[in-house]
């Protein structure tokens, strides 16, 4: 990864962090969930194929941040499933997914995959019922995409989740696709928050700035 790519990659990560920090605001908008999943997938691919990305990331710091992101998303999903279980008097279901954010953060890195996929699988099996609680397939995909990025940082093999990106095999292609996604799609949709949620919009705009190294 050259110096310019490093600056762009840092920007991609800052945008990812901004969206994660304000997920409660935008996650109910299907197209933004789609764009966020694509961004996560592209970042995950860049991390996986580029050894320099591991060095540039400060892998320990970013791995910790990604684990926290997964813990927040997964504990929220767990709570939602528990609420559904309470409404259907299904104590076994509630107990099977009961996980706090701190509990998830404490799980060993190599064990996080199995725990996450188990809770997501339980949600997928009940997706129709959980729709009333705001759970969507795209939300589950976002959790799994974050998990794939985390797995890439601990050296676990990953799969390409989005078939749209199968043909992208080089870092240059991935950078181009990521820039196109942000410039021509995400930036345009984000304008809806300029007046309705200026704090979020300002955070996103700051994240989009490229700081030359």
N, C-alpha and C. Protein backbone atom coordinates (compact mmCIF):
# COMPACT_ATOMS: atom_id res chain seq x y z
N UNK A 1 0.86 -1.19 0.00
CA UNK A 1 0.00 0.00 0.00
C UNK A 1 0.89 1.24 0.00
N UNK A 2 0.77 2.09 -1.03
CA UNK A 2 1.58 3.29 -1.08
C UNK A 2 0.99 4.38 -0.18
N UNK A 3 1.69 5.52 -0.12
CA UNK A 3 1.29 6.59 0.79
C UNK A 3 -0.12 7.11 0.48
N UNK A 4 -0.42 7.30 -0.81
CA UNK A 4 -1.75 7.79 -1.18
C UNK A 4 -2.84 6.79 -0.82
N UNK A 5 -2.59 5.52 -1.10
CA UNK A 5 -3.56 4.49 -0.75
C UNK A 5 -3.76 4.44 0.76
N UNK A 6 -2.67 4.62 1.50
CA UNK A 6 -2.77 4.62 2.96
C UNK A 6 -3.68 5.73 3.46
N UNK A 7 -3.60 6.90 2.85
CA UNK A 7 -4.45 8.03 3.23
C UNK A 7 -5.92 7.74 2.91
N UNK A 8 -6.16 7.17 1.75
CA UNK A 8 -7.53 6.81 1.38
C UNK A 8 -8.07 5.71 2.28
N UNK A 9 -7.22 4.74 2.58
CA UNK A 9 -7.67 3.63 3.42
C UNK A 9 -8.06 4.12 4.80
N UNK A 10 -7.27 5.06 5.36
CA UNK A 10 -7.61 5.64 6.66
C UNK A 10 -8.96 6.34 6.58
N UNK A 11 -9.23 7.02 5.45
CA UNK A 11 -10.52 7.68 5.27
C UNK A 11 -11.65 6.65 5.25
N UNK A 12 -11.45 5.53 4.54
CA UNK A 12 -12.47 4.48 4.51
C UNK A 12 -12.80 4.01 5.92
N UNK A 13 -11.76 3.82 6.72
CA UNK A 13 -11.96 3.35 8.10
C UNK A 13 -12.68 4.40 8.94
N UNK A 14 -12.35 5.68 8.72
CA UNK A 14 -13.02 6.75 9.47
C UNK A 14 -14.51 6.81 9.13
N UNK A 15 -14.84 6.62 7.85
CA UNK A 15 -16.25 6.60 7.44
C UNK A 15 -16.95 5.40 8.09
N UNK A 16 -16.31 4.27 8.06
CA UNK A 16 -16.86 3.08 8.70
C UNK A 16 -17.15 3.33 10.17
N UNK A 17 -16.20 3.94 10.88
CA UNK A 17 -16.38 4.24 12.30
C UNK A 17 -17.52 5.22 12.52
N UNK A 18 -17.61 6.26 11.68
CA UNK A 18 -18.67 7.24 11.82
C UNK A 18 -20.05 6.60 11.68
N UNK A 19 -20.18 5.73 10.67
CA UNK A 19 -21.46 5.06 10.45
C UNK A 19 -21.77 4.11 11.60
N UNK A 20 -20.77 3.40 12.09
CA UNK A 20 -21.00 2.50 13.23
C UNK A 20 -21.44 3.28 14.47
N UNK A 21 -20.82 4.44 14.69
CA UNK A 21 -21.14 5.23 15.88
C UNK A 21 -22.55 5.80 15.85
N UNK A 22 -23.09 5.99 14.66
CA UNK A 22 -24.44 6.57 14.52
C UNK A 22 -25.43 5.59 13.89
N UNK A 23 -25.18 4.31 14.06
CA UNK A 23 -26.00 3.29 13.38
C UNK A 23 -27.49 3.37 13.73
N UNK A 24 -27.80 3.82 14.94
CA UNK A 24 -29.21 3.90 15.33
C UNK A 24 -29.97 4.92 14.49
N UNK A 25 -29.26 5.85 13.87
CA UNK A 25 -29.90 6.92 13.08
C UNK A 25 -30.20 6.46 11.66
N UNK A 26 -29.26 5.74 11.04
CA UNK A 26 -29.41 5.42 9.61
C UNK A 26 -29.79 3.97 9.31
N UNK A 27 -29.70 3.07 10.30
CA UNK A 27 -29.83 1.64 10.01
C UNK A 27 -31.22 1.20 9.58
N UNK A 28 -32.21 2.06 9.75
CA UNK A 28 -33.56 1.72 9.30
C UNK A 28 -33.79 2.09 7.84
N UNK A 29 -32.78 2.68 7.21
CA UNK A 29 -32.88 3.08 5.80
C UNK A 29 -32.22 2.00 4.95
N UNK A 30 -33.01 1.20 4.23
CA UNK A 30 -32.47 0.03 3.52
C UNK A 30 -31.29 0.31 2.61
N UNK A 31 -31.33 1.41 1.85
CA UNK A 31 -30.25 1.66 0.90
C UNK A 31 -28.95 1.98 1.61
N UNK A 32 -29.02 2.65 2.77
CA UNK A 32 -27.80 2.93 3.53
C UNK A 32 -27.24 1.66 4.15
N UNK A 33 -28.12 0.76 4.56
CA UNK A 33 -27.64 -0.53 5.05
C UNK A 33 -26.92 -1.29 3.94
N UNK A 34 -27.46 -1.21 2.75
CA UNK A 34 -26.81 -1.87 1.61
C UNK A 34 -25.44 -1.25 1.35
N UNK A 35 -25.38 0.07 1.33
CA UNK A 35 -24.10 0.74 1.08
C UNK A 35 -23.10 0.45 2.19
N UNK A 36 -23.57 0.42 3.43
CA UNK A 36 -22.66 0.13 4.55
C UNK A 36 -22.12 -1.28 4.44
N UNK A 37 -22.96 -2.23 4.08
CA UNK A 37 -22.50 -3.61 3.90
C UNK A 37 -21.45 -3.70 2.79
N UNK A 38 -21.66 -2.95 1.72
CA UNK A 38 -20.69 -2.95 0.63
C UNK A 38 -19.37 -2.32 1.08
N UNK A 39 -19.44 -1.24 1.84
CA UNK A 39 -18.23 -0.61 2.36
C UNK A 39 -17.47 -1.58 3.26
N UNK A 40 -18.18 -2.23 4.17
CA UNK A 40 -17.54 -3.19 5.08
C UNK A 40 -16.88 -4.32 4.30
N UNK A 41 -17.56 -4.80 3.27
CA UNK A 41 -17.02 -5.89 2.45
C UNK A 41 -15.74 -5.45 1.75
N UNK A 42 -15.75 -4.26 1.18
CA UNK A 42 -14.58 -3.77 0.46
C UNK A 42 -13.40 -3.57 1.41
N UNK A 43 -13.65 -3.00 2.58
CA UNK A 43 -12.58 -2.83 3.57
C UNK A 43 -12.03 -4.18 4.00
N UNK A 44 -12.94 -5.11 4.22
CA UNK A 44 -12.52 -6.46 4.62
C UNK A 44 -11.63 -7.10 3.57
N UNK A 45 -11.98 -6.91 2.30
CA UNK A 45 -11.17 -7.47 1.21
C UNK A 45 -9.80 -6.82 1.15
N UNK A 46 -9.75 -5.50 1.35
CA UNK A 46 -8.47 -4.79 1.32
C UNK A 46 -7.57 -5.30 2.45
N UNK A 47 -8.14 -5.45 3.63
CA UNK A 47 -7.37 -5.97 4.77
C UNK A 47 -6.83 -7.35 4.47
N UNK A 48 -7.66 -8.17 3.85
CA UNK A 48 -7.31 -9.57 3.62
C UNK A 48 -6.21 -9.74 2.57
N UNK A 49 -6.27 -8.94 1.50
CA UNK A 49 -5.32 -9.19 0.41
C UNK A 49 -4.04 -8.37 0.53
N UNK A 50 -4.03 -7.37 1.42
CA UNK A 50 -2.87 -6.48 1.49
C UNK A 50 -2.14 -6.64 2.81
N UNK A 51 -0.93 -7.15 2.76
CA UNK A 51 -0.11 -7.26 3.96
C UNK A 51 0.17 -5.88 4.54
N UNK A 52 0.36 -4.89 3.66
CA UNK A 52 0.63 -3.53 4.13
C UNK A 52 -0.54 -2.98 4.92
N UNK A 53 -1.75 -3.42 4.57
CA UNK A 53 -2.93 -2.94 5.29
C UNK A 53 -2.83 -3.32 6.76
N UNK A 54 -2.33 -4.52 7.02
CA UNK A 54 -2.19 -4.97 8.41
C UNK A 54 -1.26 -4.04 9.17
N UNK A 55 -0.15 -3.65 8.54
CA UNK A 55 0.80 -2.75 9.18
C UNK A 55 0.21 -1.37 9.37
N UNK A 56 -0.47 -0.89 8.32
CA UNK A 56 -1.01 0.46 8.36
C UNK A 56 -2.11 0.59 9.41
N UNK A 57 -2.92 -0.44 9.53
CA UNK A 57 -4.04 -0.39 10.45
C UNK A 57 -3.61 -0.17 11.89
N UNK A 58 -2.42 -0.71 12.25
CA UNK A 58 -2.16 -0.86 13.66
C UNK A 58 -3.13 -1.94 14.08
N UNK A 59 -2.88 -3.17 13.61
CA UNK A 59 -3.88 -4.23 13.65
C UNK A 59 -4.47 -4.44 15.03
N UNK A 60 -3.67 -4.31 16.07
CA UNK A 60 -4.18 -4.54 17.42
C UNK A 60 -5.26 -3.53 17.79
N UNK A 61 -5.02 -2.25 17.46
CA UNK A 61 -5.99 -1.20 17.77
C UNK A 61 -7.28 -1.39 16.98
N UNK A 62 -7.15 -1.66 15.69
CA UNK A 62 -8.35 -1.79 14.87
C UNK A 62 -9.11 -3.08 15.20
N UNK A 63 -8.40 -4.12 15.52
CA UNK A 63 -9.04 -5.39 15.90
C UNK A 63 -9.90 -5.18 17.15
N UNK A 64 -9.36 -4.45 18.10
CA UNK A 64 -10.10 -4.15 19.33
C UNK A 64 -11.36 -3.35 19.02
N UNK A 65 -11.23 -2.37 18.11
CA UNK A 65 -12.36 -1.54 17.73
C UNK A 65 -13.43 -2.37 17.00
N UNK A 66 -12.99 -3.28 16.13
CA UNK A 66 -13.94 -4.12 15.41
C UNK A 66 -14.66 -5.07 16.35
N UNK A 67 -13.94 -5.58 17.34
CA UNK A 67 -14.58 -6.49 18.30
C UNK A 67 -15.64 -5.75 19.10
N UNK A 68 -15.37 -4.50 19.45
CA UNK A 68 -16.36 -3.69 20.16
C UNK A 68 -17.58 -3.46 19.28
N UNK A 69 -17.35 -3.18 18.00
CA UNK A 69 -18.46 -2.97 17.07
C UNK A 69 -19.34 -4.21 16.99
N UNK A 70 -18.71 -5.37 16.88
CA UNK A 70 -19.46 -6.62 16.83
C UNK A 70 -20.22 -6.84 18.12
N UNK A 71 -19.56 -6.55 19.25
CA UNK A 71 -20.20 -6.74 20.56
C UNK A 71 -21.44 -5.86 20.70
N UNK A 72 -21.37 -4.63 20.21
CA UNK A 72 -22.52 -3.72 20.28
C UNK A 72 -23.67 -4.22 19.41
N UNK A 73 -23.35 -4.61 18.19
CA UNK A 73 -24.39 -5.08 17.27
C UNK A 73 -25.00 -6.40 17.75
N UNK A 74 -24.14 -7.30 18.20
CA UNK A 74 -24.62 -8.62 18.59
C UNK A 74 -25.42 -8.57 19.89
N UNK A 75 -24.99 -7.74 20.84
CA UNK A 75 -25.75 -7.64 22.09
C UNK A 75 -27.10 -6.98 21.85
N UNK A 76 -27.16 -6.04 20.90
CA UNK A 76 -28.44 -5.44 20.53
C UNK A 76 -29.37 -6.47 19.91
N UNK A 77 -28.82 -7.29 19.01
CA UNK A 77 -29.61 -8.35 18.40
C UNK A 77 -30.07 -9.35 19.45
N UNK A 78 -29.18 -9.68 20.38
CA UNK A 78 -29.53 -10.60 21.46
C UNK A 78 -30.70 -10.05 22.28
N UNK A 79 -30.62 -8.76 22.62
CA UNK A 79 -31.70 -8.16 23.39
C UNK A 79 -33.03 -8.17 22.65
N UNK A 80 -32.97 -7.94 21.35
CA UNK A 80 -34.19 -7.96 20.53
C UNK A 80 -34.81 -9.35 20.51
N UNK A 81 -33.97 -10.36 20.34
CA UNK A 81 -34.48 -11.74 20.34
C UNK A 81 -35.06 -12.09 21.71
N UNK A 82 -34.42 -11.61 22.77
CA UNK A 82 -34.93 -11.87 24.12
C UNK A 82 -36.30 -11.21 24.32
N UNK A 83 -36.48 -10.02 23.76
CA UNK A 83 -37.77 -9.35 23.85
C UNK A 83 -38.84 -10.15 23.12
N UNK A 84 -38.49 -10.65 21.93
CA UNK A 84 -39.41 -11.50 21.18
C UNK A 84 -39.73 -12.78 21.97
N UNK A 85 -38.70 -13.37 22.58
CA UNK A 85 -38.89 -14.60 23.36
C UNK A 85 -39.81 -14.35 24.55
N UNK A 86 -39.66 -13.19 25.20
CA UNK A 86 -40.53 -12.87 26.33
C UNK A 86 -41.98 -12.75 25.89
N UNK A 87 -42.18 -12.20 24.70
CA UNK A 87 -43.54 -12.04 24.19
C UNK A 87 -44.19 -13.34 23.78
N UNK A 88 -43.38 -14.37 23.57
CA UNK A 88 -43.91 -15.68 23.16
C UNK A 88 -43.70 -16.73 24.25
N UNK A 89 -43.32 -16.27 25.45
CA UNK A 89 -43.09 -17.18 26.59
C UNK A 89 -42.12 -18.30 26.24
N UNK A 90 -41.03 -17.95 25.59
CA UNK A 90 -40.03 -18.93 25.17
C UNK A 90 -38.73 -18.67 25.93
N UNK A 91 -38.68 -19.17 27.16
CA UNK A 91 -37.52 -18.93 28.02
C UNK A 91 -36.26 -19.60 27.46
N UNK A 92 -36.43 -20.75 26.84
CA UNK A 92 -35.27 -21.46 26.28
C UNK A 92 -34.60 -20.62 25.19
N UNK A 93 -35.41 -20.00 24.35
CA UNK A 93 -34.86 -19.16 23.29
C UNK A 93 -34.12 -17.98 23.90
N UNK A 94 -34.72 -17.34 24.90
CA UNK A 94 -34.09 -16.20 25.54
C UNK A 94 -32.73 -16.57 26.13
N UNK A 95 -32.69 -17.69 26.79
CA UNK A 95 -31.44 -18.13 27.42
C UNK A 95 -30.38 -18.51 26.39
N UNK A 96 -30.81 -19.00 25.24
CA UNK A 96 -29.86 -19.46 24.22
C UNK A 96 -29.10 -18.32 23.56
N UNK A 97 -29.64 -17.11 23.66
CA UNK A 97 -28.98 -15.96 23.00
C UNK A 97 -28.52 -14.90 24.00
N UNK A 98 -28.70 -15.15 25.28
CA UNK A 98 -28.42 -14.13 26.28
C UNK A 98 -26.94 -13.79 26.32
N UNK A 99 -26.60 -12.59 25.85
CA UNK A 99 -25.21 -12.14 25.78
C UNK A 99 -25.17 -10.63 25.99
N UNK A 100 -24.36 -10.18 26.93
CA UNK A 100 -24.16 -8.75 27.13
C UNK A 100 -22.97 -8.28 26.30
N UNK A 101 -22.84 -6.98 26.13
CA UNK A 101 -21.71 -6.44 25.38
C UNK A 101 -20.39 -6.83 26.02
N UNK A 102 -20.30 -6.74 27.34
CA UNK A 102 -19.05 -7.08 28.03
C UNK A 102 -18.72 -8.56 27.91
N UNK A 103 -19.75 -9.40 27.94
CA UNK A 103 -19.53 -10.84 27.78
C UNK A 103 -18.96 -11.15 26.41
N UNK A 104 -19.50 -10.51 25.39
CA UNK A 104 -19.04 -10.75 24.02
C UNK A 104 -17.60 -10.25 23.85
N UNK A 105 -17.31 -9.08 24.42
CA UNK A 105 -15.95 -8.55 24.32
C UNK A 105 -14.92 -9.47 24.98
N UNK A 106 -15.36 -10.22 26.00
CA UNK A 106 -14.45 -11.09 26.74
C UNK A 106 -14.22 -12.44 26.05
N UNK A 107 -14.99 -12.73 25.03
CA UNK A 107 -14.83 -14.01 24.31
C UNK A 107 -13.48 -14.03 23.60
N UNK A 108 -12.83 -15.16 23.60
CA UNK A 108 -11.56 -15.30 22.90
C UNK A 108 -11.77 -15.03 21.41
N UNK A 109 -10.78 -14.39 20.79
CA UNK A 109 -10.90 -13.99 19.39
C UNK A 109 -11.30 -15.14 18.48
N UNK A 110 -10.68 -16.30 18.67
CA UNK A 110 -10.94 -17.44 17.80
C UNK A 110 -12.31 -18.05 18.04
N UNK A 111 -12.93 -17.73 19.17
CA UNK A 111 -14.26 -18.29 19.49
C UNK A 111 -15.39 -17.35 19.09
N UNK A 112 -15.06 -16.12 18.75
CA UNK A 112 -16.10 -15.13 18.46
C UNK A 112 -16.91 -15.50 17.23
N UNK A 113 -16.27 -16.12 16.25
CA UNK A 113 -16.96 -16.50 15.02
C UNK A 113 -18.15 -17.41 15.31
N UNK A 114 -17.90 -18.46 16.07
CA UNK A 114 -18.97 -19.45 16.34
C UNK A 114 -20.11 -18.83 17.14
N UNK A 115 -19.78 -18.02 18.13
CA UNK A 115 -20.81 -17.39 18.96
C UNK A 115 -21.67 -16.45 18.13
N UNK A 116 -21.01 -15.64 17.31
CA UNK A 116 -21.74 -14.67 16.48
C UNK A 116 -22.65 -15.36 15.47
N UNK A 117 -22.09 -16.35 14.78
CA UNK A 117 -22.88 -17.03 13.75
C UNK A 117 -24.07 -17.78 14.36
N UNK A 118 -23.92 -18.26 15.56
CA UNK A 118 -25.02 -18.98 16.21
C UNK A 118 -26.20 -18.04 16.47
N UNK A 119 -25.91 -16.85 17.01
CA UNK A 119 -26.99 -15.90 17.31
C UNK A 119 -27.62 -15.38 16.02
N UNK A 120 -26.78 -15.10 15.02
CA UNK A 120 -27.31 -14.65 13.73
C UNK A 120 -28.19 -15.72 13.09
N UNK A 121 -27.77 -16.98 13.19
CA UNK A 121 -28.54 -18.08 12.63
C UNK A 121 -29.91 -18.18 13.30
N UNK A 122 -29.94 -18.02 14.61
CA UNK A 122 -31.21 -18.05 15.35
C UNK A 122 -32.12 -16.92 14.87
N UNK A 123 -31.53 -15.75 14.62
CA UNK A 123 -32.32 -14.62 14.13
C UNK A 123 -32.82 -14.88 12.71
N UNK A 124 -31.97 -15.46 11.86
CA UNK A 124 -32.36 -15.75 10.49
C UNK A 124 -33.53 -16.72 10.44
N UNK A 125 -33.53 -17.69 11.33
CA UNK A 125 -34.60 -18.68 11.36
C UNK A 125 -35.93 -18.08 11.78
N UNK A 126 -35.88 -16.91 12.44
CA UNK A 126 -37.10 -16.26 12.94
C UNK A 126 -37.27 -14.86 12.35
N UNK A 127 -36.66 -14.65 11.20
CA UNK A 127 -36.60 -13.31 10.63
C UNK A 127 -37.99 -12.72 10.39
N UNK A 128 -38.92 -13.53 9.96
CA UNK A 128 -40.27 -13.04 9.69
C UNK A 128 -40.91 -12.49 10.96
N UNK A 129 -40.74 -13.21 12.07
CA UNK A 129 -41.31 -12.76 13.34
C UNK A 129 -40.55 -11.56 13.90
N UNK A 130 -39.24 -11.55 13.70
CA UNK A 130 -38.43 -10.47 14.25
C UNK A 130 -38.54 -9.17 13.45
N UNK A 131 -39.16 -9.24 12.28
CA UNK A 131 -39.35 -8.03 11.47
C UNK A 131 -40.13 -6.97 12.24
N UNK A 132 -41.08 -7.42 13.06
CA UNK A 132 -41.87 -6.49 13.86
C UNK A 132 -41.01 -5.76 14.90
N UNK A 133 -39.83 -6.30 15.17
CA UNK A 133 -38.92 -5.71 16.15
C UNK A 133 -37.80 -4.93 15.45
N UNK A 134 -37.92 -4.79 14.13
CA UNK A 134 -36.96 -3.99 13.38
C UNK A 134 -35.76 -4.72 12.86
N UNK A 135 -35.75 -6.05 12.96
CA UNK A 135 -34.62 -6.84 12.48
C UNK A 135 -34.81 -7.14 10.99
N UNK A 136 -33.76 -6.89 10.19
CA UNK A 136 -33.82 -7.16 8.76
C UNK A 136 -32.64 -8.03 8.34
N UNK A 137 -32.73 -8.62 7.16
CA UNK A 137 -31.65 -9.43 6.63
C UNK A 137 -30.38 -8.60 6.46
N UNK A 138 -30.55 -7.36 6.03
CA UNK A 138 -29.39 -6.49 5.85
C UNK A 138 -28.66 -6.22 7.17
N UNK A 139 -29.40 -6.12 8.26
CA UNK A 139 -28.77 -5.92 9.56
C UNK A 139 -27.93 -7.13 9.96
N UNK A 140 -28.45 -8.31 9.67
CA UNK A 140 -27.71 -9.53 9.98
C UNK A 140 -26.48 -9.64 9.09
N UNK A 141 -26.63 -9.24 7.83
CA UNK A 141 -25.48 -9.24 6.92
C UNK A 141 -24.40 -8.30 7.42
N UNK A 142 -24.79 -7.16 7.97
CA UNK A 142 -23.81 -6.20 8.47
C UNK A 142 -22.99 -6.81 9.62
N UNK A 143 -23.65 -7.54 10.50
CA UNK A 143 -22.93 -8.20 11.60
C UNK A 143 -21.93 -9.20 11.05
N UNK A 144 -22.36 -10.01 10.08
CA UNK A 144 -21.48 -11.04 9.51
C UNK A 144 -20.33 -10.43 8.73
N UNK A 145 -20.58 -9.31 8.07
CA UNK A 145 -19.50 -8.65 7.33
C UNK A 145 -18.46 -8.08 8.29
N UNK A 146 -18.91 -7.50 9.39
CA UNK A 146 -17.98 -7.03 10.41
C UNK A 146 -17.18 -8.20 10.98
N UNK A 147 -17.84 -9.33 11.14
CA UNK A 147 -17.16 -10.52 11.65
C UNK A 147 -16.08 -10.98 10.68
N UNK A 148 -16.36 -10.94 9.37
CA UNK A 148 -15.38 -11.34 8.37
C UNK A 148 -14.15 -10.42 8.42
N UNK A 149 -14.40 -9.12 8.61
CA UNK A 149 -13.28 -8.19 8.71
C UNK A 149 -12.43 -8.52 9.94
N UNK A 150 -13.09 -8.80 11.04
CA UNK A 150 -12.37 -9.17 12.27
C UNK A 150 -11.58 -10.45 12.06
N UNK A 151 -12.21 -11.42 11.42
CA UNK A 151 -11.53 -12.70 11.17
C UNK A 151 -10.27 -12.50 10.33
N UNK A 152 -10.34 -11.58 9.35
CA UNK A 152 -9.19 -11.30 8.52
C UNK A 152 -8.02 -10.78 9.33
N UNK A 153 -8.31 -10.08 10.42
CA UNK A 153 -7.25 -9.51 11.25
C UNK A 153 -6.64 -10.52 12.22
N UNK A 154 -7.31 -11.65 12.40
CA UNK A 154 -6.72 -12.69 13.26
C UNK A 154 -6.27 -13.89 12.42
N UNK A 155 -6.23 -13.68 11.10
CA UNK A 155 -5.66 -14.70 10.22
C UNK A 155 -6.57 -15.83 9.84
N UNK A 156 -7.88 -15.69 10.06
CA UNK A 156 -8.80 -16.74 9.66
C UNK A 156 -9.21 -16.57 8.20
N UNK A 157 -9.34 -17.67 7.46
CA UNK A 157 -9.79 -17.58 6.06
C UNK A 157 -11.16 -16.92 5.99
N UNK A 158 -11.42 -16.19 4.90
CA UNK A 158 -12.70 -15.53 4.75
C UNK A 158 -13.30 -15.86 3.40
N UNK A 159 -14.59 -15.63 3.28
CA UNK A 159 -15.27 -15.83 2.01
C UNK A 159 -15.75 -14.48 1.51
N UNK A 160 -15.99 -14.38 0.21
CA UNK A 160 -16.53 -13.16 -0.36
C UNK A 160 -18.05 -13.20 -0.18
N UNK A 161 -18.57 -12.33 0.68
CA UNK A 161 -19.99 -12.36 1.00
C UNK A 161 -20.82 -11.78 -0.13
N UNK A 162 -20.29 -10.76 -0.79
CA UNK A 162 -21.06 -10.05 -1.81
C UNK A 162 -20.57 -10.47 -3.19
N UNK A 163 -21.39 -11.21 -3.92
CA UNK A 163 -20.99 -11.72 -5.24
C UNK A 163 -20.66 -10.60 -6.22
N UNK A 164 -21.14 -9.40 -5.94
CA UNK A 164 -20.87 -8.24 -6.79
C UNK A 164 -19.37 -7.96 -6.87
N UNK A 165 -18.62 -8.36 -5.85
CA UNK A 165 -17.21 -8.02 -5.78
C UNK A 165 -16.29 -9.20 -6.09
N UNK A 166 -16.83 -10.29 -6.61
CA UNK A 166 -16.02 -11.48 -6.88
C UNK A 166 -14.88 -11.17 -7.84
N UNK A 167 -15.13 -10.35 -8.85
CA UNK A 167 -14.14 -10.08 -9.89
C UNK A 167 -13.04 -9.12 -9.44
N UNK A 168 -13.23 -8.49 -8.28
CA UNK A 168 -12.24 -7.52 -7.81
C UNK A 168 -11.14 -8.27 -7.06
N UNK A 169 -9.96 -8.33 -7.67
CA UNK A 169 -8.89 -9.17 -7.11
C UNK A 169 -7.67 -8.39 -6.67
N UNK A 170 -7.58 -7.11 -7.02
CA UNK A 170 -6.41 -6.33 -6.65
C UNK A 170 -6.81 -5.18 -5.73
N UNK A 171 -5.83 -4.69 -4.96
CA UNK A 171 -6.10 -3.57 -4.06
C UNK A 171 -6.57 -2.35 -4.84
N UNK A 172 -5.97 -2.12 -6.02
CA UNK A 172 -6.34 -0.96 -6.83
C UNK A 172 -7.81 -1.01 -7.23
N UNK A 173 -8.28 -2.17 -7.62
CA UNK A 173 -9.69 -2.33 -8.00
C UNK A 173 -10.60 -2.06 -6.80
N UNK A 174 -10.20 -2.57 -5.65
CA UNK A 174 -11.00 -2.41 -4.45
C UNK A 174 -11.06 -0.94 -4.01
N UNK A 175 -9.91 -0.24 -4.13
CA UNK A 175 -9.89 1.19 -3.80
C UNK A 175 -10.80 1.97 -4.73
N UNK A 176 -10.75 1.66 -6.02
CA UNK A 176 -11.61 2.36 -6.99
C UNK A 176 -13.08 2.13 -6.68
N UNK A 177 -13.43 0.89 -6.37
CA UNK A 177 -14.83 0.56 -6.08
C UNK A 177 -15.30 1.26 -4.81
N UNK A 178 -14.43 1.31 -3.82
CA UNK A 178 -14.78 1.95 -2.55
C UNK A 178 -14.98 3.45 -2.74
N UNK A 179 -14.08 4.08 -3.47
CA UNK A 179 -14.23 5.52 -3.75
C UNK A 179 -15.50 5.81 -4.54
N UNK A 180 -15.80 4.97 -5.50
CA UNK A 180 -17.01 5.13 -6.30
C UNK A 180 -18.26 4.99 -5.43
N UNK A 181 -18.26 4.01 -4.53
CA UNK A 181 -19.38 3.79 -3.63
C UNK A 181 -19.65 5.03 -2.78
N UNK A 182 -18.59 5.60 -2.22
CA UNK A 182 -18.76 6.76 -1.35
C UNK A 182 -19.13 8.01 -2.14
N UNK A 183 -18.39 8.28 -3.21
CA UNK A 183 -18.57 9.52 -3.96
C UNK A 183 -19.91 9.59 -4.69
N UNK A 184 -20.28 8.51 -5.34
CA UNK A 184 -21.44 8.54 -6.23
C UNK A 184 -22.73 8.00 -5.61
N UNK A 185 -22.62 7.38 -4.46
CA UNK A 185 -23.81 6.80 -3.84
C UNK A 185 -24.02 7.29 -2.41
N UNK A 186 -23.13 6.88 -1.52
CA UNK A 186 -23.33 7.18 -0.10
C UNK A 186 -23.37 8.68 0.17
N UNK A 187 -22.44 9.44 -0.41
CA UNK A 187 -22.42 10.89 -0.19
C UNK A 187 -23.76 11.53 -0.56
N UNK A 188 -24.36 11.05 -1.64
CA UNK A 188 -25.62 11.64 -2.12
C UNK A 188 -26.76 11.37 -1.15
N UNK A 189 -26.85 10.14 -0.67
CA UNK A 189 -27.94 9.78 0.25
C UNK A 189 -27.75 10.47 1.60
N UNK A 190 -26.51 10.66 1.99
CA UNK A 190 -26.23 11.28 3.29
C UNK A 190 -26.73 12.72 3.38
N UNK A 191 -26.99 13.34 2.26
CA UNK A 191 -27.47 14.72 2.26
C UNK A 191 -28.79 14.86 3.03
N UNK A 192 -29.54 13.78 3.14
CA UNK A 192 -30.82 13.85 3.85
C UNK A 192 -30.64 14.19 5.33
N UNK A 193 -29.42 13.97 5.85
CA UNK A 193 -29.17 14.23 7.26
C UNK A 193 -28.56 15.61 7.51
N UNK A 194 -28.31 16.36 6.46
CA UNK A 194 -27.64 17.65 6.60
C UNK A 194 -28.40 18.58 7.53
N UNK A 195 -29.73 18.58 7.42
CA UNK A 195 -30.56 19.43 8.28
C UNK A 195 -31.21 18.65 9.41
N UNK A 196 -31.61 17.42 9.14
CA UNK A 196 -32.34 16.64 10.14
C UNK A 196 -31.46 16.13 11.27
N UNK A 197 -30.16 15.89 10.98
CA UNK A 197 -29.25 15.42 12.03
C UNK A 197 -27.85 15.96 11.74
N UNK A 198 -27.64 17.25 12.01
CA UNK A 198 -26.37 17.88 11.65
C UNK A 198 -25.14 17.28 12.34
N UNK A 199 -25.31 16.76 13.57
CA UNK A 199 -24.16 16.15 14.26
C UNK A 199 -23.66 14.93 13.50
N UNK A 200 -24.59 14.09 13.08
CA UNK A 200 -24.23 12.90 12.31
C UNK A 200 -23.61 13.30 10.98
N UNK A 201 -24.24 14.26 10.30
CA UNK A 201 -23.74 14.67 8.99
C UNK A 201 -22.34 15.27 9.11
N UNK A 202 -22.11 16.06 10.15
CA UNK A 202 -20.78 16.65 10.36
C UNK A 202 -19.74 15.57 10.63
N UNK A 203 -20.13 14.56 11.40
CA UNK A 203 -19.22 13.44 11.68
C UNK A 203 -18.85 12.73 10.39
N UNK A 204 -19.84 12.52 9.54
CA UNK A 204 -19.59 11.85 8.26
C UNK A 204 -18.68 12.71 7.37
N UNK A 205 -18.96 14.00 7.32
CA UNK A 205 -18.13 14.89 6.49
C UNK A 205 -16.68 14.91 6.97
N UNK A 206 -16.49 14.94 8.28
CA UNK A 206 -15.12 14.92 8.81
C UNK A 206 -14.42 13.62 8.45
N UNK A 207 -15.17 12.53 8.52
CA UNK A 207 -14.59 11.23 8.20
C UNK A 207 -14.19 11.13 6.74
N UNK A 208 -14.90 11.85 5.87
CA UNK A 208 -14.64 11.78 4.43
C UNK A 208 -13.40 12.58 4.01
N UNK A 209 -12.86 13.38 4.91
CA UNK A 209 -11.68 14.17 4.56
C UNK A 209 -10.46 13.27 4.49
N UNK A 210 -9.65 13.49 3.49
CA UNK A 210 -8.44 12.69 3.29
C UNK A 210 -7.24 13.47 3.82
N UNK A 211 -6.56 12.88 4.79
CA UNK A 211 -5.38 13.51 5.39
C UNK A 211 -4.15 12.89 4.79
N UNK A 212 -3.42 13.67 4.04
CA UNK A 212 -2.20 13.16 3.40
C UNK A 212 -1.14 12.88 4.43
N UNK A 213 -0.51 11.71 4.31
CA UNK A 213 0.55 11.31 5.24
C UNK A 213 1.90 11.81 4.75
